Amino acid sequence: MAYLDPAQGQMRSGTQGDAVANVAAANAGAAYTTAEQTLVNELKTKLNALLAELRQAGVIAP
């Protein structure tokens, strides 16, 4: 199944990838330093935002 290239308004060749689950809702716990907690939590947020963009663009299944 081809999917849309939203930037070009055209069909892309290939198929849509499988669905990918979001990173777990849990945050880094007290076993980490504050800097490590911040890093882990920021990476989780950024990865989930990237997954949402890929789903919206039709690259991976919802």
N, C-alpha and C. Protein backbone atom coordinates (compact mmCIF):
# COMPACT_ATOMS: atom_id res chain seq x y z
N MET A 1 0.84 -1.18 0.00
CA MET A 1 0.00 0.00 0.00
C MET A 1 0.88 1.24 0.00
N ALA A 2 0.72 2.08 -0.98
CA ALA A 2 1.48 3.33 -1.04
C ALA A 2 0.90 4.32 -0.04
N TYR A 3 1.69 5.24 0.38
CA TYR A 3 1.22 6.26 1.31
C TYR A 3 1.58 7.64 0.80
N LEU A 4 0.93 8.63 1.35
CA LEU A 4 1.09 9.99 0.84
C LEU A 4 2.37 10.65 1.35
N ASP A 5 2.94 11.46 0.51
CA ASP A 5 4.04 12.33 0.88
C ASP A 5 3.41 13.70 1.12
N PRO A 6 3.12 14.06 2.38
CA PRO A 6 2.38 15.30 2.64
C PRO A 6 3.10 16.54 2.14
N ALA A 7 4.42 16.51 2.07
CA ALA A 7 5.16 17.68 1.60
C ALA A 7 4.97 17.89 0.10
N GLN A 8 4.76 16.83 -0.64
CA GLN A 8 4.64 16.91 -2.09
C GLN A 8 3.22 16.67 -2.58
N GLY A 9 2.35 16.15 -1.73
CA GLY A 9 0.99 15.84 -2.15
C GLY A 9 0.96 14.71 -3.15
N GLN A 10 1.94 13.83 -3.10
CA GLN A 10 2.03 12.72 -4.04
C GLN A 10 2.15 11.41 -3.29
N MET A 11 1.90 10.33 -4.00
CA MET A 11 2.05 9.01 -3.42
C MET A 11 3.53 8.66 -3.37
N ARG A 12 3.95 8.04 -2.30
CA ARG A 12 5.31 7.52 -2.19
C ARG A 12 5.28 6.06 -2.56
N SER A 13 6.38 5.56 -3.05
CA SER A 13 6.44 4.13 -3.32
C SER A 13 6.76 3.40 -2.02
N GLY A 14 6.41 2.14 -1.94
CA GLY A 14 6.70 1.37 -0.75
C GLY A 14 5.46 1.13 0.06
N THR A 15 5.66 0.60 1.22
CA THR A 15 4.54 0.28 2.09
C THR A 15 4.70 0.98 3.42
N GLN A 16 3.59 1.06 4.10
CA GLN A 16 3.58 1.68 5.43
C GLN A 16 4.17 0.69 6.43
N GLY A 17 4.97 1.18 7.33
CA GLY A 17 5.57 0.33 8.35
C GLY A 17 4.54 -0.08 9.40
N ASP A 18 4.91 -1.07 10.19
CA ASP A 18 4.04 -1.54 11.26
C ASP A 18 3.89 -0.49 12.34
N ALA A 19 2.84 -0.65 13.15
CA ALA A 19 2.62 0.25 14.27
C ALA A 19 3.77 0.13 15.28
N VAL A 20 4.10 1.24 15.95
CA VAL A 20 5.14 1.27 16.96
C VAL A 20 4.53 1.89 18.21
N ALA A 21 4.64 1.20 19.34
CA ALA A 21 4.06 1.69 20.59
C ALA A 21 4.88 2.86 21.13
N ASN A 22 4.19 3.76 21.83
CA ASN A 22 4.86 4.87 22.51
C ASN A 22 5.71 4.34 23.65
N VAL A 23 6.66 5.16 24.08
CA VAL A 23 7.45 4.85 25.26
C VAL A 23 6.52 4.88 26.46
N ALA A 24 6.77 4.02 27.43
CA ALA A 24 5.92 3.92 28.61
C ALA A 24 5.72 5.27 29.28
N ALA A 25 4.57 5.42 29.93
CA ALA A 25 4.22 6.68 30.57
C ALA A 25 5.04 6.96 31.82
N ALA A 26 5.70 5.94 32.37
CA ALA A 26 6.46 6.13 33.60
C ALA A 26 7.65 7.06 33.37
N ASN A 27 8.02 7.79 34.40
CA ASN A 27 9.17 8.69 34.34
C ASN A 27 10.35 8.06 35.06
N ALA A 28 11.55 8.62 34.84
CA ALA A 28 12.73 8.15 35.54
C ALA A 28 12.55 8.36 37.04
N GLY A 29 12.90 7.36 37.80
CA GLY A 29 12.69 7.39 39.25
C GLY A 29 13.85 8.00 40.01
N ALA A 30 13.77 7.93 41.33
CA ALA A 30 14.73 8.56 42.22
C ALA A 30 16.10 7.88 42.20
N ALA A 31 16.23 6.70 41.58
CA ALA A 31 17.52 6.02 41.51
C ALA A 31 18.50 6.78 40.61
N TYR A 32 17.99 7.71 39.82
CA TYR A 32 18.83 8.49 38.92
C TYR A 32 19.08 9.87 39.51
N THR A 33 20.16 10.51 39.07
CA THR A 33 20.39 11.89 39.49
C THR A 33 19.35 12.78 38.81
N THR A 34 19.24 14.00 39.23
CA THR A 34 18.28 14.93 38.63
C THR A 34 18.59 15.13 37.15
N ALA A 35 19.86 15.24 36.82
CA ALA A 35 20.24 15.43 35.41
C ALA A 35 19.85 14.21 34.58
N GLU A 36 20.07 13.01 35.11
CA GLU A 36 19.70 11.79 34.39
C GLU A 36 18.19 11.67 34.25
N GLN A 37 17.45 12.02 35.29
CA GLN A 37 15.99 12.00 35.22
C GLN A 37 15.50 12.93 34.11
N THR A 38 16.07 14.13 34.06
CA THR A 38 15.68 15.11 33.05
C THR A 38 15.98 14.58 31.66
N LEU A 39 17.16 14.01 31.49
CA LEU A 39 17.56 13.48 30.19
C LEU A 39 16.62 12.35 29.74
N VAL A 40 16.36 11.40 30.60
CA VAL A 40 15.49 10.27 30.25
C VAL A 40 14.08 10.77 29.92
N ASN A 41 13.56 11.66 30.73
CA ASN A 41 12.21 12.17 30.51
C ASN A 41 12.12 13.00 29.22
N GLU A 42 13.14 13.79 28.92
CA GLU A 42 13.15 14.56 27.67
C GLU A 42 13.24 13.65 26.46
N LEU A 43 14.07 12.61 26.54
CA LEU A 43 14.18 11.66 25.43
C LEU A 43 12.87 10.94 25.18
N LYS A 44 12.19 10.57 26.26
CA LYS A 44 10.89 9.90 26.13
C LYS A 44 9.89 10.82 25.43
N THR A 45 9.86 12.08 25.82
CA THR A 45 8.95 13.04 25.22
C THR A 45 9.25 13.25 23.74
N LYS A 46 10.54 13.41 23.41
CA LYS A 46 10.93 13.62 22.02
C LYS A 46 10.63 12.40 21.15
N LEU A 47 10.89 11.20 21.67
CA LEU A 47 10.62 9.99 20.90
C LEU A 47 9.14 9.83 20.64
N ASN A 48 8.31 10.07 21.63
CA ASN A 48 6.87 9.97 21.44
C ASN A 48 6.36 11.01 20.43
N ALA A 49 6.95 12.21 20.44
CA ALA A 49 6.57 13.24 19.47
C ALA A 49 6.97 12.80 18.06
N LEU A 50 8.15 12.20 17.92
CA LEU A 50 8.59 11.70 16.62
C LEU A 50 7.67 10.59 16.12
N LEU A 51 7.30 9.66 17.00
CA LEU A 51 6.38 8.60 16.61
C LEU A 51 5.04 9.17 16.16
N ALA A 52 4.55 10.19 16.84
CA ALA A 52 3.28 10.82 16.46
C ALA A 52 3.38 11.44 15.07
N GLU A 53 4.50 12.08 14.76
CA GLU A 53 4.70 12.69 13.44
C GLU A 53 4.76 11.62 12.36
N LEU A 54 5.44 10.50 12.63
CA LEU A 54 5.52 9.42 11.65
C LEU A 54 4.15 8.81 11.39
N ARG A 55 3.34 8.68 12.45
CA ARG A 55 1.98 8.16 12.27
C ARG A 55 1.15 9.13 11.44
N GLN A 56 1.23 10.41 11.75
CA GLN A 56 0.44 11.42 11.04
C GLN A 56 0.83 11.49 9.57
N ALA A 57 2.09 11.28 9.27
CA ALA A 57 2.57 11.33 7.90
C ALA A 57 2.28 10.03 7.15
N GLY A 58 1.80 9.02 7.89
CA GLY A 58 1.47 7.75 7.24
C GLY A 58 2.65 6.84 7.04
N VAL A 59 3.78 7.17 7.63
CA VAL A 59 4.98 6.34 7.48
C VAL A 59 4.84 5.04 8.26
N ILE A 60 4.28 5.14 9.48
CA ILE A 60 3.98 3.94 10.27
C ILE A 60 2.50 3.92 10.60
N ALA A 61 2.00 2.75 10.84
CA ALA A 61 0.58 2.59 11.15
C ALA A 61 0.28 3.19 12.53
N PRO A 62 -0.95 3.67 12.69
CA PRO A 62 -1.34 4.24 14.00
C PRO A 62 -1.35 3.18 15.09
